[in-house]
Amino acid sequence: MSASRTKKRVLIVDDDRNQALLLRSLMQANGYKALLAGSKPEGVKMAQREKPSCIILNCMMCGGEEGFCLYRHLKSEAQFRDVPVIMLCSVSRDILFRYRSMAGAFGGPQAPEPEAFLKSPPDAVVLVNTVGRLTGSEPSAAAEPVAENTDNAAPSPKGMGPPRQLP
C-alpha cells in the first residue's frame, strides 16, 4: 500500500448506509482515511471540517436531487472547486448526463462534469484505482487494491466483490 494514501481523506456521501459502510471499508483497507456523511447538509459540514482529498458522492440521494444539489454547491465554492468528485449512480452515465444536462445539473463554470462517474455499486478495483488517480496516490505497478476478505460474509452486491487484475 502506498504510504502517500495514509493521509488522504476520502469523503463518502451516501444515504444508503450499507453501501456507505462498504465503501468506507474498501477505502480504509486501501490506506485512505474514509469519512461518512448521509445527506447534503452532513456532506457540506464534513467537507468544510475535514478538507477531503476526494469525494465519492451518490448522485441520487433522497429522491434524486440531493446528490446533484450537493455537487453543484461544492463546485460553486472556491474551497471545494478543485476537490475531485466521483459520482456514483445506478443508471448509465449517458442517460443520466443527457437528462441532467437538459435540467442544468452540469455544464458551465458552476457545475462542470464530475472528474469521474461510476455505475453503482462500483467495481472495487475501478473505484480504488480512480480514487488513487484523482488524489495522486496511485499504487505502484506491482501493487493491487485490497478488498476485505468476504469468505465468511454474505454475498456482496454485484460489482463489489474481491478485486481482479485489470488488463
Foldseek 3Di string as FASTA:
>chain_A
DFPVQQDAEEEEEALPVVLLVQVCQLSVQQRHRYHYHDFLVRSVVCCVPPVHQAYEFAQQPDNRHGRLVSQLVQCQDPSRVLRAYEYEYQDDPVVVCVVCVVVVSEDDSSHHPGPHYAYPPAASQVVVQVSCVSNVNHDPPPDGRAHDDCPPHDDDPPRDDGHDDDD
